């Protein structure tokens, strides 16, 4: 899942973001040079495990030639756990609450799609309180050694997500 922002070069004086050069035109038919710029993303796979593992973050080396698509590495279509591998916000936009925005939207999509029982992730210790605010439970230190290890396992039962509310005319509505 990506979070994009439309940027018009002539109106973005003093705001440079390094993903602009590789961004695609925002819409066809616009003559102002607008581009749809990636500002945050989430990368995930499905797994049969309940926690994120090194195998769930890996990929089969023969994925281009193995037509059977059977591997214990990487995405497992029949898995009941969505393994969140990356939630990233462009460094220039840290502190703008975009991480909260994209995570809340992603979790709501998982709940609405009914494709998994849980969402699990690994994170550094200083991020545990951030994920706990969304209902994730810390399960302790992870056995995953990706990137040198030092991770903590966190998981969330998707159907136990609290309902989100949106502002509508006359008050709030649960979604």
N, C-alpha and C. Protein backbone atom coordinates (compact mmCIF):
# COMPACT_ATOMS: atom_id res chain seq x y z
N UNK A 1 0.86 -1.16 0.00
CA UNK A 1 0.00 0.00 0.00
C UNK A 1 0.90 1.22 0.00
N UNK A 2 0.57 2.17 -0.84
CA UNK A 2 1.34 3.40 -0.89
C UNK A 2 0.47 4.61 -0.60
N UNK A 3 1.09 5.61 -0.01
CA UNK A 3 0.43 6.88 0.22
C UNK A 3 1.13 7.89 -0.67
N UNK A 4 0.34 8.51 -1.55
CA UNK A 4 0.89 9.42 -2.55
C UNK A 4 0.34 10.83 -2.35
N UNK A 5 1.10 11.79 -2.81
CA UNK A 5 0.69 13.18 -2.76
C UNK A 5 0.95 13.79 -4.14
N UNK A 6 -0.02 14.54 -4.64
CA UNK A 6 0.16 15.20 -5.93
C UNK A 6 0.94 16.49 -5.71
N UNK A 7 2.04 16.62 -6.42
CA UNK A 7 2.89 17.80 -6.30
C UNK A 7 2.97 18.50 -7.65
N UNK A 8 2.68 19.80 -7.66
CA UNK A 8 2.81 20.65 -8.84
C UNK A 8 4.15 21.37 -8.69
N UNK A 9 5.12 21.08 -9.57
CA UNK A 9 6.46 21.65 -9.41
C UNK A 9 6.48 23.17 -9.24
N UNK A 10 5.68 23.89 -9.99
CA UNK A 10 5.69 25.36 -9.93
C UNK A 10 5.18 25.88 -8.59
N UNK A 11 4.41 25.07 -7.88
CA UNK A 11 3.84 25.51 -6.60
C UNK A 11 4.57 24.91 -5.41
N UNK A 12 5.60 24.15 -5.65
CA UNK A 12 6.31 23.47 -4.57
C UNK A 12 7.64 24.15 -4.28
N UNK A 13 7.68 25.45 -4.37
CA UNK A 13 8.91 26.20 -4.13
C UNK A 13 9.42 25.93 -2.71
N UNK A 14 10.68 25.52 -2.60
CA UNK A 14 11.28 25.27 -1.31
C UNK A 14 10.97 23.90 -0.73
N UNK A 15 10.16 23.12 -1.42
CA UNK A 15 9.85 21.78 -0.93
C UNK A 15 10.40 20.77 -1.93
N UNK A 16 11.56 20.24 -1.63
CA UNK A 16 12.13 19.21 -2.48
C UNK A 16 12.02 17.88 -1.76
N UNK A 17 11.62 16.87 -2.50
CA UNK A 17 11.54 15.52 -1.96
C UNK A 17 12.16 14.60 -3.00
N UNK A 18 13.08 13.75 -2.56
CA UNK A 18 13.88 12.98 -3.52
C UNK A 18 13.11 11.93 -4.31
N UNK A 19 11.89 11.62 -3.92
CA UNK A 19 11.11 10.67 -4.70
C UNK A 19 10.39 11.35 -5.87
N UNK A 20 10.51 12.67 -5.98
CA UNK A 20 9.83 13.40 -7.05
C UNK A 20 10.35 13.01 -8.43
N UNK A 21 11.65 12.87 -8.57
CA UNK A 21 12.24 12.59 -9.89
C UNK A 21 11.76 11.29 -10.50
N UNK A 22 11.45 10.30 -9.68
CA UNK A 22 11.00 9.01 -10.20
C UNK A 22 9.48 8.88 -10.20
N UNK A 23 8.78 9.92 -9.77
CA UNK A 23 7.32 9.87 -9.69
C UNK A 23 6.70 9.94 -11.08
N UNK A 24 5.52 9.34 -11.20
CA UNK A 24 4.77 9.33 -12.45
C UNK A 24 3.84 10.54 -12.52
N UNK A 25 3.47 10.93 -13.74
CA UNK A 25 2.49 12.02 -13.86
C UNK A 25 1.23 11.69 -13.06
N UNK A 26 0.66 12.71 -12.41
CA UNK A 26 -0.49 12.50 -11.53
C UNK A 26 -1.74 12.09 -12.29
N UNK A 27 -2.03 12.76 -13.34
CA UNK A 27 -3.23 12.47 -14.12
C UNK A 27 -2.93 12.76 -15.58
N UNK A 28 -3.60 12.07 -16.45
CA UNK A 28 -3.42 12.36 -17.86
C UNK A 28 -4.13 13.66 -18.19
N UNK A 29 -3.59 14.39 -19.10
CA UNK A 29 -4.23 15.62 -19.55
C UNK A 29 -3.88 16.86 -18.75
N UNK A 30 -3.09 16.74 -17.68
CA UNK A 30 -2.70 17.92 -16.92
C UNK A 30 -1.44 18.51 -17.53
N UNK A 31 -1.45 19.81 -17.73
CA UNK A 31 -0.29 20.46 -18.35
C UNK A 31 0.59 21.19 -17.35
N UNK A 32 0.36 20.99 -16.05
CA UNK A 32 1.16 21.69 -15.05
C UNK A 32 2.33 20.85 -14.52
N UNK A 33 2.54 19.67 -15.09
CA UNK A 33 3.66 18.82 -14.68
C UNK A 33 3.46 18.11 -13.36
N UNK A 34 2.23 18.05 -12.86
CA UNK A 34 1.96 17.40 -11.58
C UNK A 34 2.42 15.95 -11.60
N UNK A 35 2.93 15.53 -10.45
CA UNK A 35 3.35 14.15 -10.30
C UNK A 35 2.78 13.58 -9.01
N UNK A 36 2.52 12.28 -9.05
CA UNK A 36 2.03 11.55 -7.89
C UNK A 36 3.26 10.99 -7.16
N UNK A 37 3.58 11.58 -6.02
CA UNK A 37 4.83 11.29 -5.32
C UNK A 37 4.57 10.38 -4.12
N UNK A 38 5.33 9.28 -4.06
CA UNK A 38 5.23 8.36 -2.93
C UNK A 38 5.81 9.02 -1.69
N UNK A 39 4.99 9.07 -0.61
CA UNK A 39 5.47 9.69 0.63
C UNK A 39 5.48 8.70 1.80
N UNK A 40 4.79 7.56 1.65
CA UNK A 40 4.80 6.53 2.69
C UNK A 40 4.35 5.21 2.06
N UNK A 41 4.77 4.09 2.67
CA UNK A 41 4.34 2.80 2.14
C UNK A 41 4.29 1.74 3.23
N UNK A 42 3.55 0.68 2.93
CA UNK A 42 3.52 -0.53 3.74
C UNK A 42 3.78 -1.70 2.80
N UNK A 43 4.67 -2.60 3.21
CA UNK A 43 4.96 -3.82 2.45
C UNK A 43 4.64 -5.00 3.37
N UNK A 44 3.89 -5.96 2.84
CA UNK A 44 3.49 -7.11 3.66
C UNK A 44 3.34 -8.36 2.79
N UNK A 45 3.36 -9.51 3.45
CA UNK A 45 3.09 -10.79 2.81
C UNK A 45 2.16 -11.58 3.74
N UNK A 46 1.66 -12.70 3.25
CA UNK A 46 0.87 -13.60 4.09
C UNK A 46 1.74 -14.80 4.46
N UNK A 47 1.44 -15.37 5.63
CA UNK A 47 2.24 -16.48 6.14
C UNK A 47 1.34 -17.47 6.88
N UNK A 48 1.80 -18.71 6.97
CA UNK A 48 1.11 -19.71 7.77
C UNK A 48 1.53 -19.60 9.25
N UNK A 49 2.64 -18.93 9.52
CA UNK A 49 3.10 -18.74 10.89
C UNK A 49 2.29 -17.62 11.55
N UNK A 50 2.29 -17.60 12.88
CA UNK A 50 1.57 -16.54 13.59
C UNK A 50 2.45 -15.33 13.85
N UNK A 51 3.75 -15.48 13.67
CA UNK A 51 4.70 -14.39 13.87
C UNK A 51 5.50 -14.18 12.60
N UNK A 52 6.09 -13.02 12.47
CA UNK A 52 6.98 -12.74 11.34
C UNK A 52 8.26 -13.54 11.56
N UNK A 53 8.67 -14.25 10.53
CA UNK A 53 9.89 -15.06 10.59
C UNK A 53 10.84 -14.62 9.48
N UNK A 54 12.08 -15.07 9.59
CA UNK A 54 13.03 -14.79 8.51
C UNK A 54 12.53 -15.39 7.20
N UNK A 55 11.91 -16.57 7.27
CA UNK A 55 11.40 -17.22 6.06
C UNK A 55 10.26 -16.41 5.44
N UNK A 56 9.41 -15.81 6.26
CA UNK A 56 8.29 -15.03 5.70
C UNK A 56 8.77 -13.75 5.04
N UNK A 57 9.94 -13.26 5.44
CA UNK A 57 10.49 -12.04 4.82
C UNK A 57 11.41 -12.36 3.65
N UNK A 58 11.70 -13.62 3.44
CA UNK A 58 12.60 -14.04 2.38
C UNK A 58 11.82 -14.24 1.08
N UNK A 59 12.48 -14.71 0.06
CA UNK A 59 11.82 -15.03 -1.20
C UNK A 59 12.56 -16.20 -1.85
N UNK A 60 11.85 -17.03 -2.60
CA UNK A 60 12.50 -18.16 -3.26
C UNK A 60 13.43 -17.65 -4.37
N UNK A 61 14.65 -18.11 -4.35
CA UNK A 61 15.64 -17.62 -5.32
C UNK A 61 15.29 -18.02 -6.76
N UNK A 62 14.49 -19.06 -6.92
CA UNK A 62 14.11 -19.52 -8.25
C UNK A 62 12.72 -19.04 -8.66
N UNK A 63 12.26 -17.93 -8.09
CA UNK A 63 10.89 -17.48 -8.34
C UNK A 63 10.62 -17.20 -9.82
N UNK A 64 11.64 -16.90 -10.59
CA UNK A 64 11.43 -16.62 -12.02
C UNK A 64 11.28 -17.90 -12.85
N UNK A 65 11.87 -18.98 -12.38
CA UNK A 65 11.84 -20.21 -13.16
C UNK A 65 10.95 -21.30 -12.55
N UNK A 66 10.65 -21.21 -11.27
CA UNK A 66 9.82 -22.21 -10.59
C UNK A 66 8.35 -21.91 -10.88
N UNK A 67 7.79 -22.63 -11.82
CA UNK A 67 6.40 -22.40 -12.23
C UNK A 67 5.39 -23.01 -11.25
N UNK A 68 5.85 -23.91 -10.39
CA UNK A 68 4.92 -24.54 -9.45
C UNK A 68 4.53 -23.58 -8.33
N UNK A 69 5.34 -22.57 -8.10
CA UNK A 69 5.07 -21.53 -7.10
C UNK A 69 5.00 -22.08 -5.67
N UNK A 70 5.48 -23.30 -5.43
CA UNK A 70 5.47 -23.86 -4.09
C UNK A 70 6.82 -23.61 -3.44
N UNK A 71 6.79 -22.91 -2.33
CA UNK A 71 8.00 -22.62 -1.58
C UNK A 71 7.61 -22.31 -0.14
N UNK A 72 8.51 -22.60 0.77
CA UNK A 72 8.26 -22.26 2.18
C UNK A 72 8.73 -20.85 2.49
N UNK A 73 9.28 -20.18 1.48
CA UNK A 73 9.80 -18.82 1.67
C UNK A 73 8.83 -17.78 1.13
N UNK A 74 8.78 -16.64 1.79
CA UNK A 74 8.02 -15.50 1.28
C UNK A 74 6.52 -15.66 1.40
N UNK A 75 5.81 -15.03 0.48
CA UNK A 75 4.36 -14.96 0.51
C UNK A 75 3.72 -16.34 0.41
N UNK A 76 2.77 -16.61 1.33
CA UNK A 76 2.01 -17.86 1.34
C UNK A 76 0.54 -17.50 1.18
N UNK A 77 0.02 -17.63 -0.01
CA UNK A 77 -1.33 -17.16 -0.32
C UNK A 77 -2.39 -17.69 0.65
N UNK A 78 -2.25 -18.92 1.11
CA UNK A 78 -3.25 -19.51 2.00
C UNK A 78 -3.02 -19.19 3.47
N UNK A 79 -2.01 -18.38 3.77
CA UNK A 79 -1.70 -18.05 5.16
C UNK A 79 -2.79 -17.23 5.82
N UNK A 80 -2.87 -17.32 7.13
CA UNK A 80 -3.88 -16.58 7.91
C UNK A 80 -3.28 -15.40 8.66
N UNK A 81 -1.97 -15.16 8.45
CA UNK A 81 -1.30 -14.03 9.09
C UNK A 81 -0.75 -13.09 8.02
N UNK A 82 -1.08 -11.82 8.14
CA UNK A 82 -0.44 -10.81 7.29
C UNK A 82 0.79 -10.34 8.05
N UNK A 83 1.96 -10.51 7.43
CA UNK A 83 3.23 -10.12 8.03
C UNK A 83 3.63 -8.76 7.48
N UNK A 84 3.58 -7.77 8.33
CA UNK A 84 3.93 -6.42 7.92
C UNK A 84 5.46 -6.30 8.00
N UNK A 85 6.10 -6.14 6.85
CA UNK A 85 7.56 -6.10 6.79
C UNK A 85 8.12 -4.69 6.85
N UNK A 86 7.35 -3.74 6.38
CA UNK A 86 7.88 -2.38 6.32
C UNK A 86 6.74 -1.37 6.38
N UNK A 87 6.87 -0.42 7.26
CA UNK A 87 6.03 0.76 7.28
C UNK A 87 7.02 1.90 7.26
N UNK A 88 7.04 2.65 6.17
CA UNK A 88 8.02 3.71 6.04
C UNK A 88 7.37 5.01 5.60
N UNK A 89 7.81 6.10 6.21
CA UNK A 89 7.38 7.45 5.85
C UNK A 89 8.62 8.21 5.45
N UNK A 90 8.53 8.98 4.38
CA UNK A 90 9.68 9.76 3.93
C UNK A 90 10.20 10.60 5.09
N UNK A 91 11.53 10.59 5.31
CA UNK A 91 12.10 11.31 6.45
C UNK A 91 11.71 12.80 6.53
N UNK A 92 11.54 13.44 5.39
CA UNK A 92 11.15 14.86 5.42
C UNK A 92 9.75 15.07 5.99
N UNK A 93 8.96 13.98 6.06
CA UNK A 93 7.58 14.10 6.50
C UNK A 93 7.32 13.43 7.85
N UNK A 94 8.40 13.07 8.53
CA UNK A 94 8.23 12.52 9.88
C UNK A 94 7.58 13.57 10.76
N UNK A 95 6.75 13.13 11.67
CA UNK A 95 6.07 14.05 12.58
C UNK A 95 4.76 14.60 12.06
N UNK A 96 4.39 14.21 10.85
CA UNK A 96 3.12 14.67 10.24
C UNK A 96 1.99 13.67 10.45
N UNK A 97 2.23 12.64 11.21
CA UNK A 97 1.24 11.60 11.53
C UNK A 97 0.83 10.76 10.32
N UNK A 98 1.69 10.70 9.32
CA UNK A 98 1.39 9.88 8.15
C UNK A 98 1.50 8.39 8.46
N UNK A 99 2.39 8.02 9.38
CA UNK A 99 2.49 6.62 9.79
C UNK A 99 1.19 6.14 10.41
N UNK A 100 0.60 6.97 11.27
CA UNK A 100 -0.70 6.63 11.87
C UNK A 100 -1.76 6.51 10.80
N UNK A 101 -1.75 7.44 9.86
CA UNK A 101 -2.76 7.45 8.80
C UNK A 101 -2.69 6.19 7.95
N UNK A 102 -1.51 5.85 7.47
CA UNK A 102 -1.40 4.70 6.57
C UNK A 102 -1.63 3.39 7.31
N UNK A 103 -1.18 3.29 8.57
CA UNK A 103 -1.41 2.06 9.32
C UNK A 103 -2.89 1.87 9.62
N UNK A 104 -3.57 2.91 10.02
CA UNK A 104 -5.00 2.81 10.31
C UNK A 104 -5.77 2.41 9.05
N UNK A 105 -5.43 3.01 7.92
CA UNK A 105 -6.09 2.68 6.66
C UNK A 105 -5.81 1.23 6.26
N UNK A 106 -4.56 0.79 6.43
CA UNK A 106 -4.19 -0.57 6.07
C UNK A 106 -4.93 -1.59 6.94
N UNK A 107 -4.95 -1.36 8.24
CA UNK A 107 -5.64 -2.29 9.14
C UNK A 107 -7.14 -2.35 8.85
N UNK A 108 -7.72 -1.22 8.52
CA UNK A 108 -9.14 -1.21 8.19
C UNK A 108 -9.40 -2.00 6.90
N UNK A 109 -8.49 -1.87 5.93
CA UNK A 109 -8.64 -2.66 4.69
C UNK A 109 -8.52 -4.15 4.98
N UNK A 110 -7.59 -4.53 5.85
CA UNK A 110 -7.47 -5.94 6.21
C UNK A 110 -8.74 -6.45 6.85
N UNK A 111 -9.32 -5.67 7.74
CA UNK A 111 -10.55 -6.09 8.42
C UNK A 111 -11.69 -6.21 7.41
N UNK A 112 -11.84 -5.23 6.55
CA UNK A 112 -12.93 -5.25 5.57
C UNK A 112 -12.78 -6.36 4.55
N UNK A 113 -11.55 -6.69 4.17
CA UNK A 113 -11.30 -7.72 3.16
C UNK A 113 -11.46 -9.13 3.73
N UNK A 114 -11.34 -9.28 5.04
CA UNK A 114 -11.49 -10.58 5.70
C UNK A 114 -10.60 -11.64 5.06
N UNK A 115 -9.31 -11.30 4.89
CA UNK A 115 -8.37 -12.22 4.24
C UNK A 115 -7.39 -12.88 5.21
N UNK A 116 -7.42 -12.46 6.48
CA UNK A 116 -6.48 -13.02 7.44
C UNK A 116 -7.07 -12.90 8.85
N UNK A 117 -6.51 -13.69 9.75
CA UNK A 117 -6.95 -13.66 11.14
C UNK A 117 -6.18 -12.65 11.97
N UNK A 118 -4.92 -12.43 11.59
CA UNK A 118 -4.08 -11.54 12.38
C UNK A 118 -3.10 -10.79 11.49
N UNK A 119 -2.58 -9.71 12.05
CA UNK A 119 -1.50 -8.95 11.42
C UNK A 119 -0.35 -8.97 12.42
N UNK A 120 0.81 -9.41 11.98
CA UNK A 120 1.98 -9.48 12.85
C UNK A 120 3.11 -8.68 12.25
N UNK A 121 4.01 -8.22 13.12
CA UNK A 121 5.15 -7.43 12.66
C UNK A 121 6.30 -7.60 13.63
N UNK A 122 7.46 -7.15 13.21
CA UNK A 122 8.61 -7.05 14.11
C UNK A 122 9.00 -5.58 14.15
N UNK A 123 9.44 -5.14 15.31
CA UNK A 123 9.86 -3.74 15.42
C UNK A 123 10.94 -3.61 16.48
N UNK A 124 11.59 -2.47 16.49
CA UNK A 124 12.56 -2.16 17.54
C UNK A 124 11.81 -1.76 18.80
N UNK A 125 12.46 -1.86 19.94
CA UNK A 125 11.79 -1.64 21.22
C UNK A 125 11.15 -0.26 21.35
N UNK A 126 11.76 0.78 20.77
CA UNK A 126 11.21 2.13 20.92
C UNK A 126 9.89 2.31 20.15
N UNK A 127 9.56 1.40 19.23
CA UNK A 127 8.30 1.49 18.48
C UNK A 127 7.15 0.69 19.09
N UNK A 128 7.44 -0.07 20.13
CA UNK A 128 6.39 -0.88 20.76
C UNK A 128 5.20 -0.02 21.17
N UNK A 129 5.38 1.10 21.88
CA UNK A 129 4.22 1.92 22.27
C UNK A 129 3.41 2.44 21.07
N UNK A 130 4.07 2.75 19.96
CA UNK A 130 3.37 3.21 18.76
C UNK A 130 2.39 2.14 18.29
N UNK A 131 2.86 0.91 18.14
CA UNK A 131 2.00 -0.16 17.64
C UNK A 131 0.95 -0.59 18.68
N UNK A 132 1.28 -0.50 19.96
CA UNK A 132 0.29 -0.83 20.99
C UNK A 132 -0.93 0.09 20.91
N UNK A 133 -0.74 1.33 20.50
CA UNK A 133 -1.87 2.26 20.37
C UNK A 133 -2.89 1.77 19.34
N UNK A 134 -2.47 0.91 18.43
CA UNK A 134 -3.36 0.37 17.40
C UNK A 134 -3.93 -0.99 17.79
N UNK A 135 -3.56 -1.48 18.97
CA UNK A 135 -4.08 -2.75 19.44
C UNK A 135 -3.12 -3.91 19.31
N UNK A 136 -1.91 -3.68 18.81
CA UNK A 136 -0.93 -4.76 18.72
C UNK A 136 -0.48 -5.14 20.12
N UNK A 137 -0.21 -6.43 20.30
CA UNK A 137 0.29 -6.95 21.57
C UNK A 137 1.75 -7.36 21.38
N UNK A 138 2.59 -6.94 22.30
CA UNK A 138 4.00 -7.33 22.24
C UNK A 138 4.15 -8.74 22.81
N UNK A 139 4.78 -9.62 22.03
CA UNK A 139 4.96 -11.02 22.43
C UNK A 139 6.38 -11.29 22.92
N UNK A 140 7.18 -10.24 23.04
CA UNK A 140 8.56 -10.41 23.51
C UNK A 140 9.55 -10.38 22.36
N UNK A 141 10.80 -10.72 22.68
CA UNK A 141 11.85 -10.68 21.67
C UNK A 141 11.59 -11.70 20.58
N UNK A 142 11.92 -11.30 19.35
CA UNK A 142 11.69 -12.13 18.18
C UNK A 142 12.90 -13.02 17.90
N UNK A 143 12.63 -14.16 17.29
CA UNK A 143 13.72 -15.03 16.84
C UNK A 143 14.21 -14.60 15.45
N UNK A 144 13.51 -13.65 14.82
CA UNK A 144 13.94 -13.18 13.50
C UNK A 144 15.29 -12.48 13.62
N UNK A 145 16.19 -12.81 12.71
CA UNK A 145 17.53 -12.23 12.76
C UNK A 145 17.79 -11.27 11.60
N UNK A 146 16.77 -11.01 10.80
CA UNK A 146 16.89 -10.09 9.67
C UNK A 146 17.52 -8.77 10.13
N UNK A 147 18.46 -8.27 9.35
CA UNK A 147 19.07 -6.98 9.65
C UNK A 147 19.83 -6.93 10.96
N UNK A 148 20.25 -8.08 11.45
CA UNK A 148 21.02 -8.11 12.68
C UNK A 148 20.22 -8.44 13.93
N UNK A 149 18.91 -8.59 13.79
CA UNK A 149 18.09 -8.98 14.94
C UNK A 149 17.79 -7.83 15.88
N UNK A 150 17.49 -8.17 17.12
CA UNK A 150 17.12 -7.15 18.10
C UNK A 150 15.67 -6.73 17.99
N UNK A 151 14.85 -7.56 17.33
CA UNK A 151 13.45 -7.23 17.07
C UNK A 151 12.54 -7.73 18.18
N UNK A 152 11.34 -7.18 18.20
CA UNK A 152 10.28 -7.64 19.08
C UNK A 152 9.09 -8.04 18.22
N UNK A 153 8.48 -9.19 18.58
CA UNK A 153 7.29 -9.68 17.88
C UNK A 153 6.06 -8.95 18.40
N UNK A 154 5.21 -8.54 17.47
CA UNK A 154 3.93 -7.93 17.84
C UNK A 154 2.85 -8.53 16.96
N UNK A 155 1.66 -8.67 17.52
CA UNK A 155 0.56 -9.23 16.73
C UNK A 155 -0.76 -8.58 17.13
N UNK A 156 -1.70 -8.66 16.21
CA UNK A 156 -3.02 -8.06 16.39
C UNK A 156 -4.04 -8.98 15.75
N UNK A 157 -5.08 -9.33 16.48
CA UNK A 157 -6.18 -10.10 15.89
C UNK A 157 -7.06 -9.11 15.14
N UNK A 158 -7.16 -9.29 13.84
CA UNK A 158 -7.80 -8.30 12.98
C UNK A 158 -9.26 -8.07 13.34
N UNK A 159 -10.00 -9.12 13.62
CA UNK A 159 -11.42 -8.94 13.92
C UNK A 159 -11.67 -8.26 15.26
N UNK A 160 -10.63 -8.15 16.08
CA UNK A 160 -10.76 -7.45 17.36
C UNK A 160 -10.40 -5.98 17.26
N UNK A 161 -10.13 -5.53 16.05
CA UNK A 161 -9.82 -4.10 15.87
C UNK A 161 -11.00 -3.27 16.35
N UNK A 162 -10.71 -2.18 17.04
CA UNK A 162 -11.82 -1.31 17.44
C UNK A 162 -12.42 -0.66 16.20
N UNK A 163 -13.71 -0.38 16.24
CA UNK A 163 -14.30 0.31 15.09
C UNK A 163 -13.74 1.72 14.99
N UNK A 164 -13.53 2.15 13.79
CA UNK A 164 -13.08 3.52 13.57
C UNK A 164 -14.30 4.39 13.32
N UNK A 165 -14.18 5.62 13.64
CA UNK A 165 -15.28 6.56 13.47
C UNK A 165 -14.90 7.62 12.46
N UNK A 166 -15.88 8.03 11.67
CA UNK A 166 -15.68 9.12 10.72
C UNK A 166 -16.71 10.20 11.01
N UNK A 167 -16.34 11.42 10.75
CA UNK A 167 -17.25 12.53 10.96
C UNK A 167 -18.22 12.60 9.80
N UNK A 168 -19.51 12.66 10.13
CA UNK A 168 -20.56 12.81 9.13
C UNK A 168 -21.45 13.96 9.58
N UNK A 169 -22.31 14.39 8.69
CA UNK A 169 -23.23 15.47 9.05
C UNK A 169 -24.01 15.07 10.29
N UNK A 170 -23.96 15.89 11.31
CA UNK A 170 -24.69 15.62 12.53
C UNK A 170 -23.98 14.77 13.56
N UNK A 171 -22.71 14.43 13.34
CA UNK A 171 -21.99 13.66 14.36
C UNK A 171 -20.98 12.70 13.80
N UNK A 172 -20.85 11.55 14.47
CA UNK A 172 -19.87 10.53 14.10
C UNK A 172 -20.58 9.23 13.72
N UNK A 173 -19.92 8.47 12.82
CA UNK A 173 -20.46 7.19 12.40
C UNK A 173 -19.36 6.16 12.45
N UNK A 174 -19.68 4.96 12.98
CA UNK A 174 -18.71 3.87 13.02
C UNK A 174 -18.52 3.29 11.63
N UNK A 175 -17.28 2.94 11.30
CA UNK A 175 -17.01 2.28 10.03
C UNK A 175 -16.22 1.01 10.30
